[in-house]
N, C-alpha and C. Protein backbone atom coordinates (compact mmCIF):
# COMPACT_ATOMS: atom_id res chain seq x y z
N MET A 1 -212.68 98.14 -46.47
CA MET A 1 -211.65 99.16 -46.62
C MET A 1 -212.24 100.54 -46.35
N SER A 2 -211.56 101.35 -45.55
CA SER A 2 -212.04 102.69 -45.24
C SER A 2 -211.85 103.60 -46.44
N GLU A 3 -212.62 104.70 -46.47
CA GLU A 3 -212.49 105.64 -47.56
C GLU A 3 -211.07 106.22 -47.63
N LYS A 4 -210.46 106.39 -46.45
CA LYS A 4 -209.12 106.97 -46.38
C LYS A 4 -208.10 106.09 -47.08
N SER A 5 -208.31 104.76 -47.01
CA SER A 5 -207.33 103.84 -47.59
C SER A 5 -207.58 103.56 -49.07
N ARG A 6 -208.66 104.13 -49.63
CA ARG A 6 -208.95 103.94 -51.05
C ARG A 6 -208.19 105.00 -51.87
N LYS A 7 -206.91 105.07 -51.64
CA LYS A 7 -206.08 106.12 -52.24
C LYS A 7 -206.09 106.10 -53.76
N TYR A 8 -205.84 104.94 -54.34
CA TYR A 8 -205.72 104.86 -55.79
C TYR A 8 -207.01 104.44 -56.47
N LEU A 9 -207.82 103.67 -55.79
CA LEU A 9 -209.07 103.21 -56.38
C LEU A 9 -209.98 104.38 -56.73
N GLU A 10 -209.86 105.47 -55.98
CA GLU A 10 -210.70 106.64 -56.23
C GLU A 10 -209.95 107.75 -56.98
N SER A 11 -208.72 107.47 -57.43
CA SER A 11 -207.95 108.50 -58.14
C SER A 11 -207.90 108.19 -59.63
N SER A 12 -207.23 109.05 -60.38
CA SER A 12 -207.12 108.86 -61.83
C SER A 12 -206.06 107.81 -62.16
N ILE A 13 -206.16 107.25 -63.34
CA ILE A 13 -205.15 106.31 -63.80
C ILE A 13 -203.80 107.01 -63.88
N LYS A 14 -203.82 108.27 -64.32
CA LYS A 14 -202.57 109.03 -64.44
C LYS A 14 -201.89 109.17 -63.07
N LYS A 15 -202.67 109.47 -62.04
CA LYS A 15 -202.11 109.61 -60.70
C LYS A 15 -201.44 108.31 -60.27
N TYR A 16 -202.12 107.20 -60.51
CA TYR A 16 -201.55 105.91 -60.12
C TYR A 16 -200.26 105.63 -60.88
N LEU A 17 -200.28 105.81 -62.21
CA LEU A 17 -199.11 105.51 -63.01
C LEU A 17 -197.95 106.45 -62.70
N ASP A 18 -198.27 107.69 -62.41
CA ASP A 18 -197.21 108.63 -62.03
C ASP A 18 -196.53 108.17 -60.74
N ASP A 19 -197.35 107.83 -59.73
CA ASP A 19 -196.79 107.38 -58.45
C ASP A 19 -196.01 106.08 -58.61
N LEU A 20 -196.51 105.21 -59.48
CA LEU A 20 -195.84 103.93 -59.72
C LEU A 20 -194.45 104.16 -60.33
N SER A 21 -194.33 105.19 -61.14
CA SER A 21 -193.06 105.44 -61.83
C SER A 21 -192.08 106.27 -60.99
N PHE A 22 -192.61 107.00 -59.99
CA PHE A 22 -191.75 107.87 -59.18
C PHE A 22 -190.93 107.07 -58.16
N LYS A 23 -190.02 107.76 -57.51
CA LYS A 23 -189.20 107.15 -56.46
C LYS A 23 -189.98 107.14 -55.16
N LEU A 24 -190.96 106.24 -55.11
CA LEU A 24 -191.82 106.07 -53.94
C LEU A 24 -191.78 104.61 -53.51
N PRO A 25 -191.91 104.34 -52.21
CA PRO A 25 -191.89 102.95 -51.74
C PRO A 25 -193.09 102.14 -52.24
N ALA A 26 -194.19 102.81 -52.48
CA ALA A 26 -195.40 102.14 -52.96
C ALA A 26 -196.26 103.18 -53.69
N PRO A 27 -197.01 102.76 -54.71
CA PRO A 27 -197.29 101.39 -55.14
C PRO A 27 -196.10 100.73 -55.83
N GLY A 28 -196.15 99.39 -55.86
CA GLY A 28 -195.10 98.61 -56.49
C GLY A 28 -195.70 97.44 -57.26
N GLY A 29 -194.92 96.38 -57.35
CA GLY A 29 -195.31 95.24 -58.18
C GLY A 29 -196.59 94.54 -57.77
N GLY A 30 -196.83 94.44 -56.46
CA GLY A 30 -198.05 93.76 -56.01
C GLY A 30 -199.30 94.52 -56.40
N SER A 31 -199.27 95.81 -56.17
CA SER A 31 -200.39 96.67 -56.55
C SER A 31 -200.59 96.65 -58.06
N ALA A 32 -199.49 96.70 -58.80
CA ALA A 32 -199.56 96.65 -60.26
C ALA A 32 -200.15 95.33 -60.75
N ALA A 33 -199.84 94.24 -60.03
CA ALA A 33 -200.41 92.94 -60.39
C ALA A 33 -201.93 92.96 -60.23
N ALA A 34 -202.40 93.58 -59.16
CA ALA A 34 -203.84 93.68 -58.93
C ALA A 34 -204.51 94.51 -60.02
N LEU A 35 -203.88 95.61 -60.40
CA LEU A 35 -204.42 96.45 -61.47
C LEU A 35 -204.44 95.68 -62.78
N THR A 36 -203.37 94.97 -63.06
CA THR A 36 -203.27 94.21 -64.30
C THR A 36 -204.39 93.18 -64.41
N SER A 37 -204.56 92.39 -63.37
CA SER A 37 -205.62 91.37 -63.40
C SER A 37 -207.00 91.99 -63.45
N SER A 38 -207.17 93.14 -62.82
CA SER A 38 -208.48 93.80 -62.86
C SER A 38 -208.81 94.25 -64.28
N VAL A 39 -207.80 94.63 -65.06
CA VAL A 39 -208.01 94.99 -66.46
C VAL A 39 -208.41 93.75 -67.27
N GLY A 40 -207.74 92.63 -67.02
CA GLY A 40 -208.09 91.39 -67.71
C GLY A 40 -209.52 90.96 -67.42
N VAL A 41 -209.91 91.04 -66.17
CA VAL A 41 -211.27 90.66 -65.78
C VAL A 41 -212.29 91.64 -66.37
N ALA A 42 -211.94 92.93 -66.42
CA ALA A 42 -212.84 93.93 -67.00
C ALA A 42 -213.11 93.64 -68.48
N LEU A 43 -212.08 93.23 -69.20
CA LEU A 43 -212.26 92.88 -70.61
C LEU A 43 -213.21 91.70 -70.77
N LEU A 44 -213.05 90.70 -69.93
CA LEU A 44 -213.95 89.54 -69.97
C LEU A 44 -215.37 89.95 -69.63
N SER A 45 -215.52 90.86 -68.69
CA SER A 45 -216.85 91.36 -68.32
C SER A 45 -217.49 92.08 -69.50
N MET A 46 -216.69 92.81 -70.25
CA MET A 46 -217.20 93.50 -71.43
C MET A 46 -217.79 92.51 -72.43
N VAL A 47 -217.07 91.41 -72.65
CA VAL A 47 -217.56 90.38 -73.56
C VAL A 47 -218.90 89.84 -73.08
N ALA A 48 -218.99 89.58 -71.78
CA ALA A 48 -220.25 89.07 -71.22
C ALA A 48 -221.37 90.10 -71.37
N ASN A 49 -221.06 91.36 -71.13
CA ASN A 49 -222.09 92.41 -71.25
C ASN A 49 -222.60 92.55 -72.67
N PHE A 50 -221.72 92.35 -73.65
CA PHE A 50 -222.12 92.43 -75.05
C PHE A 50 -222.82 91.16 -75.53
N THR A 51 -222.92 90.18 -74.65
CA THR A 51 -223.64 88.94 -74.97
C THR A 51 -225.02 88.91 -74.33
N VAL A 52 -225.15 89.59 -73.18
CA VAL A 52 -226.43 89.64 -72.48
C VAL A 52 -227.47 90.34 -73.36
N GLY A 53 -228.58 89.66 -73.61
CA GLY A 53 -229.68 90.23 -74.39
C GLY A 53 -229.46 90.25 -75.89
N LYS A 54 -228.35 89.69 -76.36
CA LYS A 54 -228.06 89.72 -77.80
C LYS A 54 -228.77 88.59 -78.53
N LYS A 55 -229.34 88.93 -79.66
CA LYS A 55 -230.04 87.95 -80.48
C LYS A 55 -229.06 86.87 -80.94
N GLY A 56 -229.51 85.63 -80.88
CA GLY A 56 -228.68 84.51 -81.28
C GLY A 56 -227.99 83.82 -80.11
N TYR A 57 -228.09 84.47 -78.93
CA TYR A 57 -227.46 83.91 -77.73
C TYR A 57 -228.50 83.65 -76.62
N GLU A 58 -229.75 83.56 -77.04
CA GLU A 58 -230.83 83.42 -76.05
C GLU A 58 -230.66 82.18 -75.16
N TRP A 59 -230.17 81.12 -75.74
CA TRP A 59 -230.07 79.85 -75.02
C TRP A 59 -229.09 79.94 -73.84
N PHE A 60 -228.14 80.87 -73.92
CA PHE A 60 -227.08 80.95 -72.93
C PHE A 60 -227.23 82.12 -71.95
N GLN A 61 -228.35 82.81 -71.99
CA GLN A 61 -228.49 84.03 -71.21
C GLN A 61 -228.30 83.84 -69.70
N ASP A 62 -228.89 82.81 -69.15
CA ASP A 62 -228.75 82.58 -67.70
C ASP A 62 -227.29 82.32 -67.32
N GLU A 63 -226.61 81.53 -68.14
CA GLU A 63 -225.21 81.22 -67.86
C GLU A 63 -224.33 82.45 -68.02
N ILE A 64 -224.59 83.24 -69.05
CA ILE A 64 -223.81 84.45 -69.28
C ILE A 64 -223.99 85.42 -68.11
N LYS A 65 -225.21 85.56 -67.63
CA LYS A 65 -225.47 86.46 -66.50
C LYS A 65 -224.75 85.98 -65.24
N ASP A 66 -224.68 84.67 -65.06
CA ASP A 66 -223.96 84.11 -63.91
C ASP A 66 -222.46 84.38 -64.03
N ILE A 67 -221.93 84.21 -65.24
CA ILE A 67 -220.52 84.49 -65.49
C ILE A 67 -220.22 85.97 -65.22
N LEU A 68 -221.10 86.83 -65.69
CA LEU A 68 -220.91 88.27 -65.50
C LEU A 68 -220.91 88.64 -64.02
N LYS A 69 -221.79 88.01 -63.27
CA LYS A 69 -221.86 88.27 -61.83
C LYS A 69 -220.55 87.87 -61.15
N LYS A 70 -220.03 86.71 -61.50
CA LYS A 70 -218.77 86.24 -60.91
C LYS A 70 -217.60 87.13 -61.31
N LEU A 71 -217.58 87.57 -62.56
CA LEU A 71 -216.51 88.45 -63.02
C LEU A 71 -216.58 89.81 -62.34
N SER A 72 -217.79 90.30 -62.14
CA SER A 72 -217.97 91.59 -61.47
C SER A 72 -217.43 91.53 -60.04
N THR A 73 -217.72 90.43 -59.35
CA THR A 73 -217.23 90.24 -57.99
C THR A 73 -215.70 90.18 -57.98
N ALA A 74 -215.15 89.41 -58.92
CA ALA A 74 -213.69 89.29 -59.02
C ALA A 74 -213.04 90.64 -59.29
N GLY A 75 -213.65 91.41 -60.19
CA GLY A 75 -213.11 92.73 -60.52
C GLY A 75 -213.12 93.67 -59.34
N GLU A 76 -214.20 93.65 -58.58
CA GLU A 76 -214.30 94.51 -57.40
C GLU A 76 -213.24 94.14 -56.37
N GLN A 77 -213.03 92.85 -56.17
CA GLN A 77 -212.03 92.39 -55.20
C GLN A 77 -210.61 92.79 -55.63
N LEU A 78 -210.32 92.63 -56.91
CA LEU A 78 -208.99 92.98 -57.41
C LEU A 78 -208.72 94.48 -57.30
N GLN A 79 -209.74 95.28 -57.56
CA GLN A 79 -209.57 96.73 -57.44
C GLN A 79 -209.25 97.14 -56.00
N ILE A 80 -209.91 96.52 -55.06
CA ILE A 80 -209.63 96.80 -53.65
C ILE A 80 -208.20 96.42 -53.29
N LEU A 81 -207.72 95.33 -53.88
CA LEU A 81 -206.37 94.85 -53.58
C LEU A 81 -205.27 95.78 -54.12
N ILE A 82 -205.61 96.64 -55.07
CA ILE A 82 -204.65 97.63 -55.55
C ILE A 82 -204.17 98.48 -54.38
N ASP A 83 -205.12 98.92 -53.57
CA ASP A 83 -204.79 99.75 -52.41
C ASP A 83 -204.36 98.92 -51.21
N GLU A 84 -204.91 97.73 -51.06
CA GLU A 84 -204.55 96.91 -49.90
C GLU A 84 -203.08 96.49 -49.96
N ASP A 85 -202.56 96.31 -51.16
CA ASP A 85 -201.14 95.97 -51.27
C ASP A 85 -200.27 97.13 -50.81
N VAL A 86 -200.68 98.35 -51.14
CA VAL A 86 -199.95 99.54 -50.70
C VAL A 86 -199.95 99.61 -49.17
N ALA A 87 -201.12 99.35 -48.57
CA ALA A 87 -201.25 99.39 -47.11
C ALA A 87 -200.40 98.31 -46.45
N ALA A 88 -200.38 97.12 -47.05
CA ALA A 88 -199.59 96.01 -46.48
C ALA A 88 -198.10 96.32 -46.53
N TYR A 89 -197.67 96.96 -47.61
CA TYR A 89 -196.26 97.32 -47.71
C TYR A 89 -195.90 98.35 -46.64
N SER A 90 -196.80 99.27 -46.38
CA SER A 90 -196.56 100.29 -45.36
C SER A 90 -196.38 99.65 -43.99
N LYS A 91 -197.21 98.65 -43.68
CA LYS A 91 -197.10 97.96 -42.40
C LYS A 91 -195.80 97.16 -42.30
N LEU A 92 -195.39 96.58 -43.41
CA LEU A 92 -194.12 95.83 -43.43
C LEU A 92 -192.95 96.78 -43.22
N SER A 93 -193.01 97.91 -43.88
CA SER A 93 -191.96 98.92 -43.72
C SER A 93 -191.86 99.39 -42.27
N ASP A 94 -193.02 99.58 -41.63
CA ASP A 94 -193.04 100.00 -40.22
C ASP A 94 -192.42 98.93 -39.32
N ALA A 95 -192.70 97.67 -39.65
CA ALA A 95 -192.16 96.56 -38.85
C ALA A 95 -190.63 96.55 -38.91
N TYR A 96 -190.08 96.80 -40.11
CA TYR A 96 -188.62 96.82 -40.26
C TYR A 96 -187.99 98.00 -39.52
N LYS A 97 -188.78 99.03 -39.28
CA LYS A 97 -188.28 100.22 -38.58
C LYS A 97 -188.35 100.07 -37.06
N THR A 98 -188.88 98.94 -36.59
CA THR A 98 -188.94 98.69 -35.15
C THR A 98 -187.52 98.74 -34.57
N PRO A 99 -187.33 99.42 -33.45
CA PRO A 99 -185.99 99.51 -32.85
C PRO A 99 -185.36 98.13 -32.61
N LYS A 100 -184.07 98.05 -32.79
CA LYS A 100 -183.35 96.79 -32.60
C LYS A 100 -183.50 96.26 -31.17
N GLU A 101 -183.68 97.18 -30.23
CA GLU A 101 -183.80 96.79 -28.83
C GLU A 101 -185.10 96.05 -28.52
N ASP A 102 -186.06 96.18 -29.41
CA ASP A 102 -187.37 95.54 -29.20
C ASP A 102 -187.23 94.04 -29.45
N ALA A 103 -187.44 93.24 -28.41
CA ALA A 103 -187.30 91.78 -28.53
C ALA A 103 -188.33 91.18 -29.48
N LEU A 104 -189.40 91.92 -29.74
CA LEU A 104 -190.47 91.41 -30.60
C LEU A 104 -190.29 91.83 -32.06
N LYS A 105 -189.18 92.48 -32.36
CA LYS A 105 -189.00 93.00 -33.72
C LYS A 105 -189.13 91.93 -34.79
N ASN A 106 -188.41 90.83 -34.65
CA ASN A 106 -188.46 89.80 -35.69
C ASN A 106 -189.86 89.21 -35.83
N GLY A 107 -190.54 89.04 -34.70
CA GLY A 107 -191.90 88.52 -34.74
C GLY A 107 -192.82 89.47 -35.49
N LYS A 108 -192.64 90.76 -35.29
CA LYS A 108 -193.45 91.76 -35.99
C LYS A 108 -193.17 91.72 -37.49
N ILE A 109 -191.90 91.55 -37.83
CA ILE A 109 -191.53 91.49 -39.25
C ILE A 109 -192.13 90.24 -39.90
N GLN A 110 -192.03 89.11 -39.22
CA GLN A 110 -192.56 87.86 -39.78
C GLN A 110 -194.08 87.94 -39.97
N GLN A 111 -194.77 88.55 -39.02
CA GLN A 111 -196.21 88.70 -39.14
C GLN A 111 -196.56 89.66 -40.28
N ALA A 112 -195.80 90.72 -40.42
CA ALA A 112 -196.04 91.69 -41.49
C ALA A 112 -195.76 91.07 -42.86
N LEU A 113 -194.77 90.18 -42.92
CA LEU A 113 -194.47 89.48 -44.17
C LEU A 113 -195.63 88.57 -44.57
N LYS A 114 -196.20 87.88 -43.59
CA LYS A 114 -197.35 87.02 -43.89
C LYS A 114 -198.55 87.84 -44.34
N ASN A 115 -198.72 88.98 -43.73
CA ASN A 115 -199.82 89.87 -44.12
C ASN A 115 -199.59 90.38 -45.54
N ALA A 116 -198.34 90.77 -45.83
CA ALA A 116 -198.01 91.25 -47.16
C ALA A 116 -198.16 90.14 -48.20
N LEU A 117 -197.79 88.93 -47.84
CA LEU A 117 -197.91 87.78 -48.73
C LEU A 117 -199.37 87.50 -49.09
N SER A 118 -200.27 87.72 -48.16
CA SER A 118 -201.68 87.38 -48.38
C SER A 118 -202.30 88.18 -49.51
N ILE A 119 -201.77 89.37 -49.79
CA ILE A 119 -202.35 90.20 -50.85
C ILE A 119 -202.05 89.64 -52.24
N PRO A 120 -200.78 89.43 -52.63
CA PRO A 120 -200.54 88.83 -53.94
C PRO A 120 -201.09 87.41 -54.04
N ALA A 121 -201.17 86.70 -52.92
CA ALA A 121 -201.76 85.36 -52.95
C ALA A 121 -203.23 85.45 -53.36
N ARG A 122 -203.92 86.46 -52.84
CA ARG A 122 -205.34 86.64 -53.19
C ARG A 122 -205.47 87.10 -54.65
N ILE A 123 -204.59 87.98 -55.08
CA ILE A 123 -204.61 88.42 -56.48
C ILE A 123 -204.42 87.21 -57.39
N PHE A 124 -203.46 86.40 -57.05
CA PHE A 124 -203.14 85.17 -57.80
C PHE A 124 -204.38 84.27 -57.88
N GLU A 125 -205.00 84.01 -56.75
CA GLU A 125 -206.13 83.08 -56.70
C GLU A 125 -207.35 83.59 -57.45
N ILE A 126 -207.67 84.87 -57.29
CA ILE A 126 -208.82 85.45 -57.99
C ILE A 126 -208.59 85.39 -59.50
N SER A 127 -207.38 85.68 -59.91
CA SER A 127 -207.04 85.68 -61.33
C SER A 127 -207.18 84.27 -61.92
N VAL A 128 -206.69 83.29 -61.21
CA VAL A 128 -206.78 81.90 -61.68
C VAL A 128 -208.24 81.45 -61.77
N GLU A 129 -209.04 81.87 -60.81
CA GLU A 129 -210.46 81.49 -60.81
C GLU A 129 -211.23 82.07 -61.99
N ALA A 130 -210.68 83.10 -62.62
CA ALA A 130 -211.35 83.72 -63.77
C ALA A 130 -211.09 82.96 -65.07
N ILE A 131 -210.10 82.08 -65.07
CA ILE A 131 -209.73 81.38 -66.31
C ILE A 131 -210.86 80.51 -66.86
N PRO A 132 -211.50 79.65 -66.06
CA PRO A 132 -212.60 78.86 -66.63
C PRO A 132 -213.78 79.71 -67.10
N LEU A 133 -213.97 80.88 -66.50
CA LEU A 133 -215.02 81.78 -66.95
C LEU A 133 -214.68 82.31 -68.35
N ALA A 134 -213.40 82.60 -68.55
CA ALA A 134 -212.94 83.06 -69.87
C ALA A 134 -213.10 81.95 -70.91
N GLU A 135 -212.79 80.74 -70.49
CA GLU A 135 -212.93 79.61 -71.42
C GLU A 135 -214.37 79.47 -71.88
N ARG A 136 -215.30 79.58 -70.95
CA ARG A 136 -216.72 79.45 -71.32
C ARG A 136 -217.16 80.60 -72.20
N LEU A 137 -216.64 81.80 -71.93
CA LEU A 137 -216.97 82.94 -72.78
C LEU A 137 -216.46 82.73 -74.20
N SER A 138 -215.33 82.06 -74.33
CA SER A 138 -214.78 81.80 -75.66
C SER A 138 -215.68 80.85 -76.44
N GLU A 139 -216.54 80.13 -75.72
CA GLU A 139 -217.43 79.15 -76.35
C GLU A 139 -218.83 79.71 -76.60
N ILE A 140 -219.33 80.51 -75.65
CA ILE A 140 -220.73 80.96 -75.76
C ILE A 140 -220.88 82.48 -75.79
N GLY A 141 -219.78 83.20 -75.70
CA GLY A 141 -219.83 84.66 -75.71
C GLY A 141 -219.97 85.22 -77.11
N ASN A 142 -220.20 86.51 -77.18
CA ASN A 142 -220.33 87.22 -78.45
C ASN A 142 -219.12 86.94 -79.33
N LYS A 143 -219.36 86.31 -80.47
CA LYS A 143 -218.27 85.88 -81.35
C LYS A 143 -217.48 87.05 -81.92
N ASN A 144 -218.10 88.23 -81.98
CA ASN A 144 -217.41 89.40 -82.50
C ASN A 144 -216.34 89.92 -81.54
N LEU A 145 -216.36 89.40 -80.31
CA LEU A 145 -215.43 89.87 -79.28
C LEU A 145 -214.47 88.76 -78.83
N ILE A 146 -214.28 87.76 -79.69
CA ILE A 146 -213.42 86.64 -79.32
C ILE A 146 -211.98 87.10 -79.08
N SER A 147 -211.55 88.15 -79.79
CA SER A 147 -210.19 88.66 -79.59
C SER A 147 -210.05 89.28 -78.20
N ASP A 148 -211.16 89.83 -77.66
CA ASP A 148 -211.11 90.42 -76.32
C ASP A 148 -211.00 89.35 -75.24
N VAL A 149 -211.56 88.18 -75.52
CA VAL A 149 -211.38 87.05 -74.60
C VAL A 149 -209.90 86.68 -74.55
N ALA A 150 -209.28 86.60 -75.72
CA ALA A 150 -207.86 86.26 -75.79
C ALA A 150 -207.01 87.33 -75.09
N CYS A 151 -207.35 88.60 -75.32
CA CYS A 151 -206.62 89.69 -74.67
C CYS A 151 -206.78 89.61 -73.15
N GLY A 152 -208.01 89.35 -72.71
CA GLY A 152 -208.27 89.24 -71.28
C GLY A 152 -207.44 88.14 -70.64
N LEU A 153 -207.34 87.02 -71.33
CA LEU A 153 -206.55 85.90 -70.82
C LEU A 153 -205.05 86.23 -70.80
N SER A 154 -204.58 86.90 -71.84
CA SER A 154 -203.17 87.29 -71.89
C SER A 154 -202.82 88.23 -70.74
N ILE A 155 -203.73 89.15 -70.45
CA ILE A 155 -203.50 90.09 -69.36
C ILE A 155 -203.56 89.38 -68.01
N LEU A 156 -204.48 88.43 -67.86
CA LEU A 156 -204.54 87.64 -66.63
C LEU A 156 -203.25 86.84 -66.43
N HIS A 157 -202.70 86.35 -67.53
CA HIS A 157 -201.42 85.63 -67.46
C HIS A 157 -200.36 86.51 -66.81
N ALA A 158 -200.30 87.77 -67.25
CA ALA A 158 -199.32 88.71 -66.69
C ALA A 158 -199.63 89.00 -65.22
N GLY A 159 -200.92 89.14 -64.90
CA GLY A 159 -201.30 89.40 -63.52
C GLY A 159 -200.93 88.25 -62.58
N ILE A 160 -201.16 87.04 -63.04
CA ILE A 160 -200.84 85.85 -62.25
C ILE A 160 -199.34 85.75 -62.03
N GLU A 161 -198.57 85.92 -63.09
CA GLU A 161 -197.11 85.81 -62.98
C GLU A 161 -196.55 86.91 -62.08
N SER A 162 -197.09 88.12 -62.21
CA SER A 162 -196.64 89.23 -61.37
C SER A 162 -196.97 88.98 -59.90
N ALA A 163 -198.15 88.45 -59.65
CA ALA A 163 -198.54 88.13 -58.27
C ALA A 163 -197.61 87.08 -57.70
N LYS A 164 -197.23 86.10 -58.52
CA LYS A 164 -196.33 85.03 -58.07
C LYS A 164 -194.96 85.59 -57.69
N PHE A 165 -194.46 86.55 -58.46
CA PHE A 165 -193.18 87.18 -58.11
C PHE A 165 -193.27 87.83 -56.73
N ASN A 166 -194.42 88.44 -56.44
CA ASN A 166 -194.59 89.12 -55.16
C ASN A 166 -194.80 88.14 -54.01
N ILE A 167 -195.37 87.00 -54.30
CA ILE A 167 -195.45 85.93 -53.30
C ILE A 167 -194.03 85.48 -52.95
N ASP A 168 -193.24 85.26 -53.99
CA ASP A 168 -191.87 84.75 -53.79
C ASP A 168 -190.99 85.71 -52.99
N ILE A 169 -191.11 87.01 -53.25
CA ILE A 169 -190.23 87.95 -52.56
C ILE A 169 -190.57 88.02 -51.07
N ASN A 170 -191.83 87.84 -50.72
CA ASN A 170 -192.20 87.81 -49.31
C ASN A 170 -191.74 86.52 -48.64
N LEU A 171 -191.85 85.43 -49.37
CA LEU A 171 -191.41 84.14 -48.83
C LEU A 171 -189.90 84.13 -48.58
N LYS A 172 -189.17 84.86 -49.39
CA LYS A 172 -187.71 84.88 -49.30
C LYS A 172 -187.21 85.29 -47.92
N PHE A 173 -187.95 86.14 -47.23
CA PHE A 173 -187.50 86.67 -45.96
C PHE A 173 -188.19 86.05 -44.74
N MET A 174 -188.94 84.97 -44.98
CA MET A 174 -189.63 84.30 -43.88
C MET A 174 -188.75 83.24 -43.24
N ASP A 175 -188.90 83.09 -41.93
CA ASP A 175 -188.08 82.14 -41.18
C ASP A 175 -188.66 80.73 -41.17
N ASP A 176 -189.95 80.61 -41.37
CA ASP A 176 -190.63 79.32 -41.28
C ASP A 176 -190.36 78.52 -42.56
N VAL A 177 -189.36 77.68 -42.52
CA VAL A 177 -188.91 76.93 -43.70
C VAL A 177 -190.02 76.03 -44.26
N ASP A 178 -190.75 75.36 -43.39
CA ASP A 178 -191.82 74.46 -43.85
C ASP A 178 -192.93 75.24 -44.55
N PHE A 179 -193.29 76.38 -43.99
CA PHE A 179 -194.33 77.23 -44.59
C PHE A 179 -193.88 77.71 -45.97
N VAL A 180 -192.64 78.15 -46.06
CA VAL A 180 -192.10 78.64 -47.33
C VAL A 180 -192.14 77.54 -48.39
N LYS A 181 -191.70 76.35 -48.02
CA LYS A 181 -191.69 75.24 -48.96
C LYS A 181 -193.11 74.89 -49.41
N GLU A 182 -194.03 74.87 -48.47
CA GLU A 182 -195.42 74.54 -48.78
C GLU A 182 -196.02 75.56 -49.75
N MET A 183 -195.80 76.85 -49.49
CA MET A 183 -196.36 77.90 -50.34
C MET A 183 -195.74 77.88 -51.74
N LYS A 184 -194.43 77.70 -51.81
CA LYS A 184 -193.76 77.66 -53.11
C LYS A 184 -194.28 76.51 -53.96
N THR A 185 -194.39 75.34 -53.35
CA THR A 185 -194.88 74.16 -54.07
C THR A 185 -196.32 74.37 -54.54
N LYS A 186 -197.14 74.91 -53.66
CA LYS A 186 -198.54 75.14 -53.97
C LYS A 186 -198.72 76.08 -55.16
N TYR A 187 -198.09 77.25 -55.09
CA TYR A 187 -198.33 78.25 -56.13
C TYR A 187 -197.60 77.95 -57.43
N GLU A 188 -196.49 77.27 -57.37
CA GLU A 188 -195.80 76.87 -58.60
C GLU A 188 -196.64 75.87 -59.39
N LYS A 189 -197.28 74.95 -58.68
CA LYS A 189 -198.13 73.95 -59.33
C LYS A 189 -199.36 74.61 -59.93
N ILE A 190 -200.00 75.47 -59.17
CA ILE A 190 -201.20 76.15 -59.67
C ILE A 190 -200.86 77.01 -60.88
N MET A 191 -199.74 77.73 -60.82
CA MET A 191 -199.36 78.59 -61.93
C MET A 191 -199.07 77.79 -63.19
N LYS A 192 -198.38 76.69 -63.05
CA LYS A 192 -198.06 75.83 -64.19
C LYS A 192 -199.35 75.36 -64.87
N ASP A 193 -200.29 74.87 -64.07
CA ASP A 193 -201.56 74.39 -64.61
C ASP A 193 -202.36 75.53 -65.25
N ALA A 194 -202.33 76.69 -64.60
CA ALA A 194 -203.09 77.84 -65.10
C ALA A 194 -202.54 78.30 -66.44
N PHE A 195 -201.23 78.36 -66.57
CA PHE A 195 -200.63 78.82 -67.82
C PHE A 195 -200.88 77.83 -68.96
N GLU A 196 -200.89 76.57 -68.64
CA GLU A 196 -201.19 75.55 -69.66
C GLU A 196 -202.63 75.71 -70.13
N GLU A 197 -203.52 76.00 -69.20
CA GLU A 197 -204.94 76.19 -69.54
C GLU A 197 -205.13 77.45 -70.38
N ILE A 198 -204.47 78.53 -70.00
CA ILE A 198 -204.56 79.77 -70.77
C ILE A 198 -204.07 79.56 -72.20
N GLU A 199 -202.94 78.90 -72.33
CA GLU A 199 -202.38 78.64 -73.66
C GLU A 199 -203.35 77.83 -74.51
N LYS A 200 -203.98 76.83 -73.90
CA LYS A 200 -204.93 75.98 -74.61
C LYS A 200 -206.13 76.79 -75.09
N ILE A 201 -206.67 77.64 -74.23
CA ILE A 201 -207.85 78.44 -74.59
C ILE A 201 -207.51 79.45 -75.67
N ILE A 202 -206.35 80.10 -75.54
CA ILE A 202 -205.95 81.10 -76.54
C ILE A 202 -205.77 80.45 -77.91
N LYS A 203 -205.22 79.26 -77.95
CA LYS A 203 -205.07 78.55 -79.23
C LYS A 203 -206.42 78.29 -79.85
N LYS A 204 -207.42 77.98 -79.04
CA LYS A 204 -208.77 77.76 -79.56
C LYS A 204 -209.37 79.04 -80.11
N THR A 205 -209.08 80.17 -79.43
CA THR A 205 -209.63 81.45 -79.90
C THR A 205 -208.96 81.87 -81.20
N GLU A 206 -207.68 81.54 -81.36
CA GLU A 206 -206.96 81.95 -82.57
C GLU A 206 -207.58 81.32 -83.82
N VAL A 207 -208.13 80.15 -83.67
CA VAL A 207 -208.78 79.47 -84.80
C VAL A 207 -210.00 80.26 -85.25
N LYS A 208 -210.64 80.96 -84.31
CA LYS A 208 -211.86 81.72 -84.62
C LYS A 208 -211.60 83.13 -85.09
N LEU A 209 -210.35 83.58 -85.04
CA LEU A 209 -210.03 84.95 -85.44
C LEU A 209 -209.90 85.08 -86.97
C-alpha cells in the first residue's frame, strides 16, 4: 500500500470515527469490520505480551512468542485492510459511474464487485484464523488477563459478522450465480463453525473469572 492510500491508518481515531459518522461514501461497514477485528487481535496480543517473560509461564515461552508473532502479523494485515476497503469502494463507485454507452460497463462493475468482495473476505478469514490462537491463550496465557481473552473473542465475533454482511452485499449484485452460491455456502459454514468455537472458548473463560 502506498503512503498516499494510508489515509486512516496514519490518522487519529477521532478522524476515522468522525468520517465514519459523516455523510461520506467511505469509510463504511467493511472498513469498520477491519478496525473491529484489529482491536480484537490487539487485545489478544496484549495478553501474549504480558505472558512473555513472566514467572510461572516459563514452560510456554516459545509457544507464546509464536502466538504473538502470528497475532502481530494478523493485526498488521487487518489495519491495512481498513484503508484498502475504502479504496475498493472508490473503485466500485467509479465503475458504476461508467457511461451507459460503454459496452464494457457491466464487466467493469462485476470486476469491481469481486475486488470489493475480496477485502471483507480477507478480514473474515484473518479474524477466523485468530480464534485458535485465542483459545490457546485462554489455556496458557497470563491468568490475570483471562477477561481480555474473552473480550478479544467477543470483538472478533463482531468483526467476523460485520465482514460477512459486507461479503453478502457485494454478492447481491453479482451476475455469476454459481460463484455467488459457492461463496455464500462457504462463508456461512465457516461463520457457523467459528461462532460455535468462540462460544465454547468464552464459556471456558467464564469459569476462570
